[in-house]
Amino acid sequence: MNIGSIKQNDNGIYMGRISTLAVAMTIALRAVNSPNPKAPRFEVHALGPNRNWVQVGALFELHSNNTGEAFLNGRIDDPSLAAPLQVSCFRQDDGSYNVVWSRPTRRR
């Protein structure tokens, strides 16, 4: 289910909005520069009620097993949320990302 989108603004910052029945937040992505290959690609920051940015998650770059296409995957969490949002971000032809939510499946 598509719950938002992220676009690069004129300053080169990826910004967007996530909206569900219980959540409405403006988000920004900050690139993580790390030599560690297991480090996230982006930190996710949300605009708080006092107009301050708060880190609420991280996105890791993964690749599809079928197509090899890169996408971002991670979760957004905050004490105000009932449960973390598991999200994937898929790059579009115009360079923006669609944010897709999925309920985690339990392992057997």
C-alpha atoms as a PDB file:
ATOM      1  CA  MET A   1       0.000   0.000   0.000  1.00  0.00           C
ATOM      2  CA  ASN A   2       1.446   3.362  -1.060  1.00  0.00           C
ATOM      3  CA  ILE A   3       1.518   5.735   1.941  1.00  0.00           C
ATOM      4  CA  GLY A   4       3.689   8.569   0.640  1.00  0.00           C
ATOM      5  CA  SER A   5       6.315   9.929  -1.670  1.00  0.00           C
ATOM      6  CA  ILE A   6       9.758  11.493  -1.400  1.00  0.00           C
ATOM      7  CA  LYS A   7      11.205  13.952  -3.909  1.00  0.00           C
ATOM      8  CA  GLN A   8      14.521  15.756  -4.151  1.00  0.00           C
ATOM      9  CA  ASN A   9      14.085  19.510  -3.701  1.00  0.00           C
ATOM     10  CA  ASP A  10      16.083  22.325  -5.346  1.00  0.00           C
ATOM     11  CA  ASN A  11      18.706  22.093  -2.558  1.00  0.00           C
ATOM     12  CA  GLY A  12      19.279  18.380  -3.261  1.00  0.00           C
ATOM     13  CA  ILE A  13      17.493  17.236  -0.074  1.00  0.00           C
ATOM     14  CA  TYR A  14      15.042  14.353  -0.303  1.00  0.00           C
ATOM     15  CA  MET A  15      11.804  15.443   1.386  1.00  0.00           C
ATOM     16  CA  GLY A  16       8.321  13.997   1.412  1.00  0.00           C
ATOM     17  CA  ARG A  17       5.201  13.138   3.276  1.00  0.00           C
ATOM     18  CA  ILE A  18       3.800   9.949   4.804  1.00  0.00           C
ATOM     19  CA  SER A  19       0.064   9.757   5.477  1.00  0.00           C
ATOM     20  CA  THR A  20      -2.100   7.013   6.972  1.00  0.00           C
ATOM     21  CA  LEU A  21      -5.275   7.135   9.072  1.00  0.00           C
ATOM     22  CA  ALA A  22      -3.149   7.484  12.231  1.00  0.00           C
ATOM     23  CA  VAL A  23       0.049   9.132  10.953  1.00  0.00           C
ATOM     24  CA  ALA A  24       0.733  12.296   8.998  1.00  0.00           C
ATOM     25  CA  MET A  25       4.366  13.384   8.913  1.00  0.00           C
ATOM     26  CA  THR A  26       6.775  15.388   6.827  1.00  0.00           C
ATOM     27  CA  ILE A  27      10.052  13.528   6.425  1.00  0.00           C
ATOM     28  CA  ALA A  28      13.527  14.223   5.111  1.00  0.00           C
ATOM     29  CA  LEU A  29      16.341  11.814   4.270  1.00  0.00           C
ATOM     30  CA  ARG A  30      19.917  12.483   5.293  1.00  0.00           C
ATOM     31  CA  ALA A  31      22.613  10.463   3.535  1.00  0.00           C
ATOM     32  CA  VAL A  32      24.834   8.354   5.774  1.00  0.00           C
ATOM     33  CA  ASN A  33      28.497   8.377   4.759  1.00  0.00           C
ATOM     34  CA  SER A  34      30.093   5.304   6.281  1.00  0.00           C
ATOM     35  CA  PRO A  35      32.754   2.850   5.135  1.00  0.00           C
ATOM     36  CA  ASN A  36      30.708   0.073   6.793  1.00  0.00           C
ATOM     37  CA  PRO A  37      28.836  -1.837   4.041  1.00  0.00           C
ATOM     38  CA  LYS A  38      26.086  -2.702   6.551  1.00  0.00           C
ATOM     39  CA  ALA A  39      25.396   0.940   7.441  1.00  0.00           C
ATOM     40  CA  PRO A  40      22.089   2.483   6.380  1.00  0.00           C
ATOM     41  CA  ARG A  41      22.001   4.548   3.189  1.00  0.00           C
ATOM     42  CA  PHE A  42      19.800   7.253   4.776  1.00  0.00           C
ATOM     43  CA  GLU A  43      18.637   8.428   8.182  1.00  0.00           C
ATOM     44  CA  VAL A  44      14.934   9.340   8.243  1.00  0.00           C
ATOM     45  CA  HIS A  45      14.045  12.582  10.038  1.00  0.00           C
ATOM     46  CA  ALA A  46      10.508  13.794  10.779  1.00  0.00           C
ATOM     47  CA  LEU A  47       9.409  17.374  11.314  1.00  0.00           C
ATOM     48  CA  GLY A  48       8.194  17.654  14.916  1.00  0.00           C
ATOM     49  CA  PRO A  49       5.410  19.872  16.293  1.00  0.00           C
ATOM     50  CA  ASN A  50       7.975  22.506  17.349  1.00  0.00           C
ATOM     51  CA  ARG A  51       9.323  22.645  13.764  1.00  0.00           C
ATOM     52  CA  ASN A  52      12.443  20.694  14.756  1.00  0.00           C
ATOM     53  CA  TRP A  53      13.776  17.630  12.942  1.00  0.00           C
ATOM     54  CA  VAL A  54      13.823  14.350  14.880  1.00  0.00           C
ATOM     55  CA  GLN A  55      15.469  11.145  13.708  1.00  0.00           C
ATOM     56  CA  VAL A  56      12.806   8.444  13.487  1.00  0.00           C
ATOM     57  CA  GLY A  57      14.433   5.722  11.431  1.00  0.00           C
ATOM     58  CA  ALA A  58      16.875   4.536   8.831  1.00  0.00           C
ATOM     59  CA  LEU A  59      16.698   3.132   5.311  1.00  0.00           C
ATOM     60  CA  PHE A  60      19.025   0.492   3.923  1.00  0.00           C
ATOM     61  CA  GLU A  61      19.699  -0.085   0.240  1.00  0.00           C
ATOM     62  CA  LEU A  62      18.694  -3.561  -0.883  1.00  0.00           C
ATOM     63  CA  HIS A  63      18.439  -5.231  -4.282  1.00  0.00           C
ATOM     64  CA  SER A  64      15.605  -7.304  -5.711  1.00  0.00           C
ATOM     65  CA  ASN A  65      16.445 -10.988  -6.056  1.00  0.00           C
ATOM     66  CA  ASN A  66      14.469 -11.158  -9.307  1.00  0.00           C
ATOM     67  CA  THR A  67      15.504  -7.994 -11.152  1.00  0.00           C
ATOM     68  CA  GLY A  68      18.560  -6.720  -9.262  1.00  0.00           C
ATOM     69  CA  GLU A  69      16.840  -3.328  -8.982  1.00  0.00           C
ATOM     70  CA  ALA A  70      17.864  -1.262  -5.944  1.00  0.00           C
ATOM     71  CA  PHE A  71      15.291  -0.062  -3.409  1.00  0.00           C
ATOM     72  CA  LEU A  72      15.322   1.335   0.132  1.00  0.00           C
ATOM     73  CA  ASN A  73      13.960  -0.616   3.079  1.00  0.00           C
ATOM     74  CA  GLY A  74      13.684   0.159   6.769  1.00  0.00           C
ATOM     75  CA  ARG A  75      11.368   1.277   9.488  1.00  0.00           C
ATOM     76  CA  ILE A  76      10.101   4.436  11.071  1.00  0.00           C
ATOM     77  CA  ASP A  77       9.545   4.393  14.816  1.00  0.00           C
ATOM     78  CA  ASP A  78       8.677   6.871  17.530  1.00  0.00           C
ATOM     79  CA  PRO A  79       7.179   6.536  21.032  1.00  0.00           C
ATOM     80  CA  SER A  80       4.017   8.210  19.716  1.00  0.00           C
ATOM     81  CA  LEU A  81       3.433   5.337  17.246  1.00  0.00           C
ATOM     82  CA  ALA A  82       1.559   2.193  18.298  1.00  0.00           C
ATOM     83  CA  ALA A  83       4.048   0.087  16.305  1.00  0.00           C
ATOM     84  CA  PRO A  84       6.949   0.774  13.933  1.00  0.00           C
ATOM     85  CA  LEU A  85       6.115   1.424  10.285  1.00  0.00           C
ATOM     86  CA  GLN A  86       7.898  -1.067   8.021  1.00  0.00           C
ATOM     87  CA  VAL A  87       8.504   0.796   4.762  1.00  0.00           C
ATOM     88  CA  SER A  88      10.106   0.265   1.383  1.00  0.00           C
ATOM     89  CA  CYS A  89      10.900   3.087  -1.033  1.00  0.00           C
ATOM     90  CA  PHE A  90      10.914   2.407  -4.755  1.00  0.00           C
ATOM     91  CA  ARG A  91      12.619   4.819  -7.136  1.00  0.00           C
ATOM     92  CA  GLN A  92      10.459   6.199  -9.940  1.00  0.00           C
ATOM     93  CA  ASP A  93      11.493   7.336 -13.430  1.00  0.00           C
ATOM     94  CA  ASP A  94      11.519  11.002 -12.321  1.00  0.00           C
ATOM     95  CA  GLY A  95      13.969  10.271  -9.447  1.00  0.00           C
ATOM     96  CA  SER A  96      11.337  10.422  -6.708  1.00  0.00           C
ATOM     97  CA  TYR A  97      10.480   7.517  -4.396  1.00  0.00           C
ATOM     98  CA  ASN A  98       7.121   5.923  -3.643  1.00  0.00           C
ATOM     99  CA  VAL A  99       6.871   4.936   0.020  1.00  0.00           C
ATOM    100  CA  VAL A 100       5.126   1.600   0.505  1.00  0.00           C
ATOM    101  CA  TRP A 101       4.016   0.153   3.828  1.00  0.00           C
ATOM    102  CA  SER A 102       3.896  -3.533   4.617  1.00  0.00           C
ATOM    103  CA  ARG A 103       2.890  -5.448   7.726  1.00  0.00           C
ATOM    104  CA  PRO A 104       5.740  -7.698   8.856  1.00  0.00           C
ATOM    105  CA  THR A 105       5.065 -11.402   8.543  1.00  0.00           C
ATOM    106  CA  ARG A 106       5.861 -13.688  11.433  1.00  0.00           C
ATOM    107  CA  ARG A 107       8.547 -16.290  10.930  1.00  0.00           C
ATOM    108  CA  ARG A 108       7.628 -19.867  11.630  1.00  0.00           C
END
